N, C-alpha and C. Protein backbone atom coordinates (compact mmCIF):
# COMPACT_ATOMS: atom_id res chain seq x y z
N MET A 1 -7.18 -12.44 -26.54
CA MET A 1 -6.41 -11.26 -26.25
C MET A 1 -5.98 -11.31 -24.79
N ILE A 2 -4.69 -11.20 -24.54
CA ILE A 2 -4.15 -11.24 -23.19
C ILE A 2 -3.93 -9.81 -22.72
N SER A 3 -4.49 -9.48 -21.56
CA SER A 3 -4.30 -8.12 -21.03
C SER A 3 -3.23 -8.16 -19.94
N GLN A 4 -2.30 -7.23 -20.00
CA GLN A 4 -1.26 -7.16 -19.01
C GLN A 4 -1.69 -6.23 -17.89
N MET A 5 -1.32 -6.59 -16.66
CA MET A 5 -1.59 -5.72 -15.54
C MET A 5 -0.56 -4.60 -15.52
N ALA A 6 -0.98 -3.43 -15.11
CA ALA A 6 -0.07 -2.30 -15.02
C ALA A 6 0.92 -2.52 -13.88
N LYS A 7 2.11 -1.98 -14.02
CA LYS A 7 3.13 -2.07 -12.98
C LYS A 7 2.70 -1.17 -11.83
N LEU A 8 2.58 -1.77 -10.64
CA LEU A 8 2.20 -0.99 -9.46
C LEU A 8 3.42 -0.26 -8.91
N LYS A 9 3.20 0.94 -8.42
CA LYS A 9 4.30 1.75 -7.93
C LYS A 9 4.45 1.69 -6.42
N ILE A 10 3.61 0.91 -5.76
CA ILE A 10 3.70 0.72 -4.31
C ILE A 10 3.95 -0.75 -4.05
N LYS A 11 4.92 -1.02 -3.16
CA LYS A 11 5.31 -2.40 -2.86
C LYS A 11 5.13 -2.70 -1.38
N LYS A 12 5.16 -3.96 -1.06
CA LYS A 12 5.10 -4.40 0.33
C LYS A 12 6.28 -3.82 1.10
N GLY A 13 6.00 -3.27 2.28
CA GLY A 13 7.05 -2.68 3.10
C GLY A 13 7.20 -1.18 2.95
N ASP A 14 6.56 -0.57 1.94
CA ASP A 14 6.63 0.87 1.73
C ASP A 14 5.85 1.61 2.82
N THR A 15 6.19 2.87 3.03
CA THR A 15 5.44 3.74 3.93
C THR A 15 4.58 4.66 3.08
N VAL A 16 3.28 4.73 3.42
CA VAL A 16 2.34 5.51 2.62
C VAL A 16 1.46 6.36 3.53
N VAL A 17 0.77 7.34 2.92
CA VAL A 17 -0.29 8.09 3.59
C VAL A 17 -1.57 7.86 2.80
N VAL A 18 -2.70 7.91 3.52
CA VAL A 18 -4.00 7.74 2.87
C VAL A 18 -4.50 9.13 2.47
N ILE A 19 -4.80 9.32 1.18
CA ILE A 19 -5.19 10.63 0.68
C ILE A 19 -6.69 10.75 0.41
N ALA A 20 -7.42 9.64 0.52
CA ALA A 20 -8.87 9.68 0.30
C ALA A 20 -9.54 8.56 1.07
N GLY A 21 -10.77 8.80 1.45
CA GLY A 21 -11.54 7.77 2.13
C GLY A 21 -11.65 8.01 3.63
N GLU A 22 -12.13 7.01 4.34
CA GLU A 22 -12.41 7.11 5.77
C GLU A 22 -11.17 7.40 6.61
N HIS A 23 -10.01 6.89 6.21
CA HIS A 23 -8.78 7.04 6.98
C HIS A 23 -7.88 8.15 6.45
N LYS A 24 -8.48 9.09 5.73
CA LYS A 24 -7.71 10.17 5.10
C LYS A 24 -6.98 11.02 6.15
N SER A 25 -5.66 11.11 6.01
CA SER A 25 -4.85 11.96 6.87
C SER A 25 -3.44 11.99 6.31
N ARG A 26 -2.95 13.18 6.00
CA ARG A 26 -1.60 13.29 5.47
C ARG A 26 -0.57 13.25 6.58
N ASP A 27 -1.02 13.31 7.84
CA ASP A 27 -0.09 13.27 8.97
C ASP A 27 0.23 11.84 9.41
N THR A 28 -0.72 10.93 9.25
CA THR A 28 -0.54 9.55 9.70
C THR A 28 0.08 8.71 8.59
N GLN A 29 1.17 8.04 8.92
CA GLN A 29 1.84 7.18 7.95
C GLN A 29 1.58 5.72 8.30
N TYR A 30 1.39 4.91 7.27
CA TYR A 30 1.12 3.49 7.44
C TYR A 30 2.15 2.68 6.67
N LYS A 31 2.38 1.45 7.13
CA LYS A 31 3.27 0.52 6.42
C LYS A 31 2.41 -0.44 5.61
N VAL A 32 2.82 -0.72 4.38
CA VAL A 32 2.08 -1.63 3.50
C VAL A 32 2.39 -3.06 3.92
N LEU A 33 1.34 -3.83 4.25
CA LEU A 33 1.50 -5.23 4.67
C LEU A 33 1.40 -6.19 3.49
N ALA A 34 0.49 -5.89 2.55
CA ALA A 34 0.28 -6.77 1.41
C ALA A 34 -0.24 -5.96 0.23
N VAL A 35 0.04 -6.46 -0.97
CA VAL A 35 -0.43 -5.82 -2.20
C VAL A 35 -1.18 -6.87 -3.02
N ASN A 36 -2.42 -6.55 -3.41
CA ASN A 36 -3.22 -7.42 -4.26
C ASN A 36 -3.21 -6.81 -5.66
N LYS A 37 -2.35 -7.34 -6.53
CA LYS A 37 -2.17 -6.76 -7.86
C LYS A 37 -3.41 -6.92 -8.73
N ALA A 38 -4.12 -8.02 -8.59
CA ALA A 38 -5.28 -8.27 -9.44
C ALA A 38 -6.40 -7.27 -9.16
N ALA A 39 -6.57 -6.87 -7.89
CA ALA A 39 -7.64 -5.96 -7.52
C ALA A 39 -7.15 -4.53 -7.33
N ASN A 40 -5.84 -4.28 -7.51
CA ASN A 40 -5.24 -2.96 -7.30
C ASN A 40 -5.52 -2.42 -5.90
N ARG A 41 -5.29 -3.26 -4.90
CA ARG A 41 -5.56 -2.88 -3.51
C ARG A 41 -4.37 -3.19 -2.63
N VAL A 42 -4.25 -2.43 -1.52
CA VAL A 42 -3.17 -2.64 -0.56
C VAL A 42 -3.76 -2.78 0.84
N SER A 43 -3.10 -3.58 1.67
CA SER A 43 -3.46 -3.73 3.07
C SER A 43 -2.45 -2.94 3.88
N LEU A 44 -2.95 -2.10 4.80
CA LEU A 44 -2.08 -1.24 5.58
C LEU A 44 -2.12 -1.63 7.06
N GLU A 45 -0.98 -1.46 7.71
CA GLU A 45 -0.86 -1.78 9.13
C GLU A 45 -1.74 -0.81 9.93
N GLY A 46 -2.60 -1.36 10.78
CA GLY A 46 -3.44 -0.53 11.63
C GLY A 46 -4.81 -0.22 11.07
N ILE A 47 -5.09 -0.60 9.84
CA ILE A 47 -6.42 -0.37 9.26
C ILE A 47 -7.12 -1.72 9.14
N THR A 48 -8.19 -1.88 9.92
CA THR A 48 -8.90 -3.15 9.98
C THR A 48 -10.40 -2.94 9.83
N VAL A 49 -11.10 -4.05 9.63
CA VAL A 49 -12.55 -4.07 9.55
C VAL A 49 -13.03 -5.07 10.59
N LYS A 50 -14.11 -4.74 11.28
CA LYS A 50 -14.66 -5.68 12.25
C LYS A 50 -15.55 -6.69 11.52
N LYS A 51 -15.39 -7.97 11.88
CA LYS A 51 -16.13 -9.05 11.23
C LYS A 51 -16.62 -10.03 12.30
N HIS A 52 -17.82 -10.53 12.11
CA HIS A 52 -18.36 -11.49 13.07
C HIS A 52 -17.85 -12.89 12.76
N SER A 53 -17.45 -13.62 13.79
CA SER A 53 -16.95 -14.98 13.63
C SER A 53 -17.78 -15.94 14.46
N ARG A 54 -18.27 -16.99 13.82
CA ARG A 54 -19.04 -17.99 14.55
C ARG A 54 -18.09 -18.88 15.36
N PRO A 55 -18.55 -19.38 16.49
CA PRO A 55 -17.70 -20.30 17.26
C PRO A 55 -17.38 -21.57 16.47
N THR A 56 -16.10 -21.95 16.46
CA THR A 56 -15.66 -23.18 15.81
C THR A 56 -14.75 -23.93 16.79
N SER A 57 -14.27 -25.09 16.35
CA SER A 57 -13.37 -25.83 17.22
C SER A 57 -12.03 -25.10 17.37
N LYS A 58 -11.65 -24.35 16.34
CA LYS A 58 -10.40 -23.57 16.40
C LYS A 58 -10.55 -22.36 17.32
N HIS A 59 -11.67 -21.66 17.17
CA HIS A 59 -11.96 -20.48 17.97
C HIS A 59 -13.29 -20.69 18.70
N PRO A 60 -13.28 -21.36 19.86
CA PRO A 60 -14.54 -21.68 20.54
C PRO A 60 -15.29 -20.45 21.05
N GLN A 61 -14.58 -19.34 21.22
CA GLN A 61 -15.23 -18.14 21.73
C GLN A 61 -16.09 -17.47 20.67
N GLY A 62 -15.60 -17.41 19.43
CA GLY A 62 -16.34 -16.71 18.38
C GLY A 62 -16.32 -15.22 18.65
N GLY A 63 -17.33 -14.48 18.18
CA GLY A 63 -17.44 -13.06 18.46
C GLY A 63 -16.98 -12.18 17.31
N ILE A 64 -16.66 -10.94 17.66
CA ILE A 64 -16.26 -9.96 16.66
C ILE A 64 -14.74 -9.88 16.63
N ILE A 65 -14.17 -10.01 15.43
CA ILE A 65 -12.72 -9.98 15.28
C ILE A 65 -12.33 -8.88 14.29
N ASP A 66 -11.09 -8.42 14.40
CA ASP A 66 -10.56 -7.45 13.46
C ASP A 66 -9.87 -8.17 12.31
N VAL A 67 -10.24 -7.81 11.08
CA VAL A 67 -9.66 -8.41 9.88
C VAL A 67 -8.97 -7.29 9.10
N PRO A 68 -7.75 -7.52 8.59
CA PRO A 68 -7.09 -6.47 7.80
C PRO A 68 -7.94 -6.04 6.61
N ALA A 69 -8.05 -4.73 6.41
CA ALA A 69 -8.85 -4.18 5.32
C ALA A 69 -7.96 -3.82 4.14
N PHE A 70 -8.47 -3.97 2.94
CA PHE A 70 -7.74 -3.59 1.74
C PHE A 70 -8.31 -2.27 1.22
N ILE A 71 -7.40 -1.35 0.87
CA ILE A 71 -7.76 -0.02 0.35
C ILE A 71 -7.29 0.05 -1.10
N HIS A 72 -8.08 0.73 -1.93
CA HIS A 72 -7.67 0.85 -3.33
C HIS A 72 -6.37 1.64 -3.43
N ILE A 73 -5.52 1.22 -4.33
CA ILE A 73 -4.17 1.79 -4.45
C ILE A 73 -4.19 3.26 -4.86
N SER A 74 -5.28 3.71 -5.47
CA SER A 74 -5.36 5.12 -5.86
C SER A 74 -5.61 6.03 -4.66
N ASN A 75 -5.99 5.46 -3.52
CA ASN A 75 -6.28 6.25 -2.33
C ASN A 75 -5.07 6.40 -1.42
N VAL A 76 -3.92 5.85 -1.81
CA VAL A 76 -2.71 6.00 -1.00
C VAL A 76 -1.60 6.64 -1.83
N MET A 77 -0.66 7.29 -1.12
CA MET A 77 0.45 7.97 -1.77
C MET A 77 1.73 7.62 -1.03
N LEU A 78 2.77 7.33 -1.75
CA LEU A 78 4.04 6.93 -1.17
C LEU A 78 4.71 8.09 -0.46
N VAL A 79 5.40 7.77 0.65
CA VAL A 79 6.17 8.77 1.40
C VAL A 79 7.63 8.60 1.02
N ASP A 80 8.28 9.72 0.65
CA ASP A 80 9.70 9.63 0.25
C ASP A 80 10.60 9.76 1.48
N GLY A 81 11.89 9.81 1.26
CA GLY A 81 12.87 9.86 2.34
C GLY A 81 12.75 11.09 3.21
N ALA A 82 12.22 12.18 2.68
CA ALA A 82 12.06 13.42 3.44
C ALA A 82 10.80 13.41 4.29
N GLY A 83 9.98 12.36 4.16
CA GLY A 83 8.76 12.25 4.96
C GLY A 83 7.56 12.93 4.34
N LYS A 84 7.64 13.27 3.07
CA LYS A 84 6.52 13.93 2.39
C LYS A 84 5.90 12.99 1.36
N ALA A 85 4.59 13.12 1.17
CA ALA A 85 3.89 12.32 0.18
C ALA A 85 4.30 12.77 -1.22
N THR A 86 4.52 11.80 -2.10
CA THR A 86 4.98 12.14 -3.44
C THR A 86 4.44 11.13 -4.45
N ARG A 87 4.38 11.57 -5.69
CA ARG A 87 4.07 10.65 -6.78
C ARG A 87 5.34 9.86 -7.08
N VAL A 88 5.17 8.76 -7.78
CA VAL A 88 6.32 7.89 -8.07
C VAL A 88 6.51 7.79 -9.57
N GLY A 89 7.74 7.97 -10.00
CA GLY A 89 8.09 7.78 -11.39
C GLY A 89 9.10 6.66 -11.49
N ARG A 90 9.45 6.30 -12.71
CA ARG A 90 10.47 5.26 -12.91
C ARG A 90 11.47 5.77 -13.92
N GLN A 91 12.75 5.50 -13.64
CA GLN A 91 13.78 5.84 -14.61
C GLN A 91 14.84 4.75 -14.60
N ARG A 92 15.56 4.67 -15.70
CA ARG A 92 16.57 3.63 -15.86
C ARG A 92 17.87 4.06 -15.20
N ASN A 93 18.45 3.14 -14.41
CA ASN A 93 19.74 3.37 -13.78
C ASN A 93 20.82 3.34 -14.86
N GLU A 94 21.70 4.34 -14.84
CA GLU A 94 22.72 4.44 -15.88
C GLU A 94 23.77 3.33 -15.78
N LYS A 95 24.08 2.90 -14.55
CA LYS A 95 25.12 1.88 -14.37
C LYS A 95 24.61 0.48 -14.68
N SER A 96 23.50 0.10 -14.04
CA SER A 96 23.02 -1.28 -14.19
C SER A 96 22.01 -1.44 -15.33
N GLY A 97 21.35 -0.35 -15.74
CA GLY A 97 20.36 -0.44 -16.81
C GLY A 97 19.00 -0.89 -16.33
N LYS A 98 18.81 -1.04 -15.00
CA LYS A 98 17.53 -1.49 -14.46
C LYS A 98 16.66 -0.28 -14.13
N LEU A 99 15.33 -0.52 -14.14
CA LEU A 99 14.39 0.54 -13.78
C LEU A 99 14.37 0.71 -12.27
N GLU A 100 14.33 1.97 -11.82
CA GLU A 100 14.26 2.28 -10.40
C GLU A 100 13.09 3.22 -10.17
N ARG A 101 12.50 3.12 -8.98
CA ARG A 101 11.43 4.04 -8.60
C ARG A 101 12.06 5.35 -8.14
N VAL A 102 11.48 6.46 -8.57
CA VAL A 102 12.04 7.78 -8.27
C VAL A 102 10.92 8.67 -7.73
N SER A 103 11.23 9.47 -6.69
CA SER A 103 10.28 10.44 -6.14
C SER A 103 10.10 11.57 -7.16
N ALA A 104 8.84 11.93 -7.42
CA ALA A 104 8.56 12.99 -8.39
C ALA A 104 8.95 14.36 -7.85
N LYS A 105 8.90 14.54 -6.53
CA LYS A 105 9.24 15.85 -5.94
C LYS A 105 10.73 16.04 -5.81
N SER A 106 11.40 15.09 -5.14
CA SER A 106 12.83 15.29 -4.83
C SER A 106 13.77 14.63 -5.83
N LYS A 107 13.25 13.84 -6.74
CA LYS A 107 14.03 13.12 -7.76
C LYS A 107 15.02 12.12 -7.16
N GLU A 108 14.83 11.73 -5.89
CA GLU A 108 15.72 10.74 -5.29
C GLU A 108 15.18 9.34 -5.50
N VAL A 109 16.07 8.36 -5.53
CA VAL A 109 15.69 6.97 -5.75
C VAL A 109 15.02 6.41 -4.51
N ILE A 110 13.91 5.71 -4.71
CA ILE A 110 13.18 5.08 -3.61
C ILE A 110 13.61 3.62 -3.54
N LYS A 111 14.04 3.21 -2.39
CA LYS A 111 14.50 1.81 -2.20
C LYS A 111 13.33 0.89 -1.98
């Protein structure tokens, strides 16, 4: 039995707000750097985790470094053109017949 992954409604380059967890704030907006579809997680600009690195030939200093952190996709919400957090729907474009992402609040198309 082959299981299909659900279509994610957040893409790389989108602007989002964190609605749950340690970085929860509806005022702070983040840009999506990467999306991990298999784990349903996104990496956001400015959210990192500190990690210890041993000295190597590449990095002779070693020490504590910042590594981009991945947040579960259910903990973020897309920001629409008006700057407000919104749910995302999909509808078919009448001209081209392709599916487009649509803001649930304002009903405008999200690019």
